[in-house]
Each structure stands twice: as structure tokens, then as C-alpha cells.
Amino acid sequence: MEFRTIKSPSKGTIDMLMRRMGANVNKDSICVDAVGLVQGKMLDMIYAADIAEKAVGVTVEDIKGSCPQNMIMIAIFGDTSSVESAIQEIKRNVKKEKDIC
């Protein structure tokens, strides 16, 4: 999995993400103080989304796109500390799972 956090994303970045989220998302209710981007396999992204939403008050959305390597990306929206906490919780859980195997 790859992780990036964007603090205070620009209007252009927000617009790009909003266009890629699809029509069924209530975009007006999403807090965009910070955005965490996580990319990986579909299995890992569903797992990461669940961890993030359970850990802190963030909104997780699937970011549509075409990737020949079948990688999927999710965006974690919220205030900066919540997004950073969600990313850290995902990393902790993934590391813990690898240590068990």
C-alpha cells in the first residue's frame, strides 16, 4: 500500500477528487481540511476504509480511475489530525497482520 497526506488541499486538488468520486456521493457534507490518499489492491482498500472509519471521524470514498495494474485508491477526508490518525491506524493494523503471518 502507498500512503500520502495532503494538508489544506488546493481547490484544484479537491475538484479533481470530487470529479472522480462519482455522482452518488454527497460532496457538500465532506470535510476537506486534509485528505489521506491510500492506494493498493481492492482487498487492502476495503480493509483500510473499514479501519479508518472505525478509528476516527473521517469520511472514506472510493476514487474512480483506470489503472492497468488493477490498483484502487481511496480518499480519507476530515480534519488534519483525524486523517493522520486514520492513516496511522491503517499502518498499525497492516503491520500487526503481517507480523502474525
Protein backbone atom coordinates (compact mmCIF):
# COMPACT_ATOMS: atom_id res chain seq x y z
CA MET A 1 0.00 0.00 0.00
CA GLU A 2 1.07 3.55 -0.65
CA PHE A 3 0.05 6.49 1.55
CA ARG A 4 0.03 10.25 1.06
CA THR A 5 -1.50 13.00 3.20
CA ILE A 6 -2.42 16.39 1.75
CA LYS A 7 -2.89 19.11 4.34
CA SER A 8 -5.01 22.07 3.21
CA PRO A 9 -5.56 20.71 -0.32
CA SER A 10 -5.86 23.25 -3.12
CA LYS A 11 -9.18 23.92 -4.84
CA GLY A 12 -7.89 22.16 -7.96
CA THR A 13 -6.97 19.06 -5.98
CA ILE A 14 -10.36 18.99 -4.26
CA ASP A 15 -12.14 19.44 -7.62
CA MET A 16 -10.13 16.58 -9.15
CA LEU A 17 -11.01 14.23 -6.30
CA MET A 18 -14.68 15.25 -6.32
CA ARG A 19 -14.96 14.53 -10.06
CA ARG A 20 -13.50 11.06 -9.52
CA MET A 21 -15.84 10.12 -6.65
CA GLY A 22 -18.91 9.59 -8.82
CA ALA A 23 -22.39 11.09 -8.81
CA ASN A 24 -23.91 9.28 -5.81
CA VAL A 25 -21.71 10.96 -3.19
CA ASN A 26 -22.99 13.89 -1.08
CA LYS A 27 -19.96 16.05 -1.70
CA ASP A 28 -21.29 19.01 0.30
CA SER A 29 -21.01 17.11 3.58
CA ILE A 30 -17.34 16.15 3.17
CA CYS A 31 -14.77 17.97 5.31
CA VAL A 32 -11.69 18.75 3.21
CA ASP A 33 -9.26 20.22 5.73
CA ALA A 34 -6.99 17.29 4.83
CA VAL A 35 -7.07 14.30 2.50
CA GLY A 36 -5.34 10.99 3.03
CA LEU A 37 -4.76 9.00 -0.14
CA VAL A 38 -4.23 5.26 0.07
CA GLN A 39 -3.57 3.08 -2.97
CA GLY A 40 -3.37 -0.68 -3.20
CA LYS A 41 -5.25 -3.84 -4.07
CA MET A 42 -9.05 -3.88 -3.76
CA LEU A 43 -8.89 -6.23 -0.75
CA ASP A 44 -6.48 -3.90 1.05
CA MET A 45 -8.53 -0.79 0.25
CA ILE A 46 -11.75 -2.23 1.66
CA TYR A 47 -9.82 -3.27 4.79
CA ALA A 48 -8.19 0.18 5.05
CA ALA A 49 -11.52 2.01 4.60
CA ASP A 50 -13.09 -0.03 7.39
CA ILE A 51 -10.19 0.64 9.76
CA ALA A 52 -10.19 4.39 9.01
CA GLU A 53 -13.92 4.84 9.53
CA LYS A 54 -13.91 2.85 12.78
CA ALA A 55 -10.83 4.63 14.16
CA VAL A 56 -11.84 8.29 13.90
CA GLY A 57 -14.47 10.63 12.47
CA VAL A 58 -13.45 10.61 8.82
CA THR A 59 -15.24 10.05 5.53
CA VAL A 60 -13.77 7.49 3.15
CA GLU A 61 -14.57 7.49 -0.56
CA ASP A 62 -13.51 5.35 -3.49
CA ILE A 63 -11.63 7.37 -6.10
CA LYS A 64 -12.50 6.15 -9.58
CA GLY A 65 -9.85 5.86 -12.23
CA SER A 66 -8.25 3.42 -14.61
CA CYS A 67 -5.08 1.70 -13.62
CA PRO A 68 -3.70 -1.14 -15.75
CA GLN A 69 -2.15 -2.70 -12.63
CA ASN A 70 -5.64 -3.00 -11.03
CA MET A 71 -4.71 -0.71 -8.16
CA ILE A 72 -7.52 1.04 -6.31
CA MET A 73 -7.37 4.36 -4.45
CA ILE A 74 -9.41 5.64 -1.54
CA ALA A 75 -9.51 9.16 -0.15
CA ILE A 76 -9.88 9.78 3.57
CA PHE A 77 -11.45 13.19 4.22
CA GLY A 78 -11.52 15.03 7.54
CA ASP A 79 -9.64 17.43 9.75
CA THR A 80 -5.86 17.08 9.67
CA SER A 81 -5.44 15.23 12.96
CA SER A 82 -8.25 12.76 12.16
CA VAL A 83 -6.85 11.99 8.71
CA GLU A 84 -3.35 11.48 10.14
CA SER A 85 -4.76 9.25 12.91
CA ALA A 86 -6.70 7.17 10.38
CA ILE A 87 -3.57 6.66 8.24
CA GLN A 88 -1.52 5.65 11.30
CA GLU A 89 -4.22 3.20 12.41
CA ILE A 90 -4.25 1.60 8.95
CA LYS A 91 -0.45 1.26 9.03
CA ARG A 92 -0.56 -0.26 12.56
CA ASN A 93 -3.18 -2.82 11.59
CA VAL A 94 -1.40 -3.80 8.38
CA LYS A 95 1.91 -4.20 10.26
CA LYS A 96 0.23 -6.22 13.02
CA GLU A 97 -1.35 -8.51 10.42
CA LYS A 98 2.00 -9.03 8.67
CA ASP A 99 3.70 -9.81 11.99
CA ILE A 100 1.12 -12.52 12.70
CA CYS A 101 1.70 -14.21 9.33
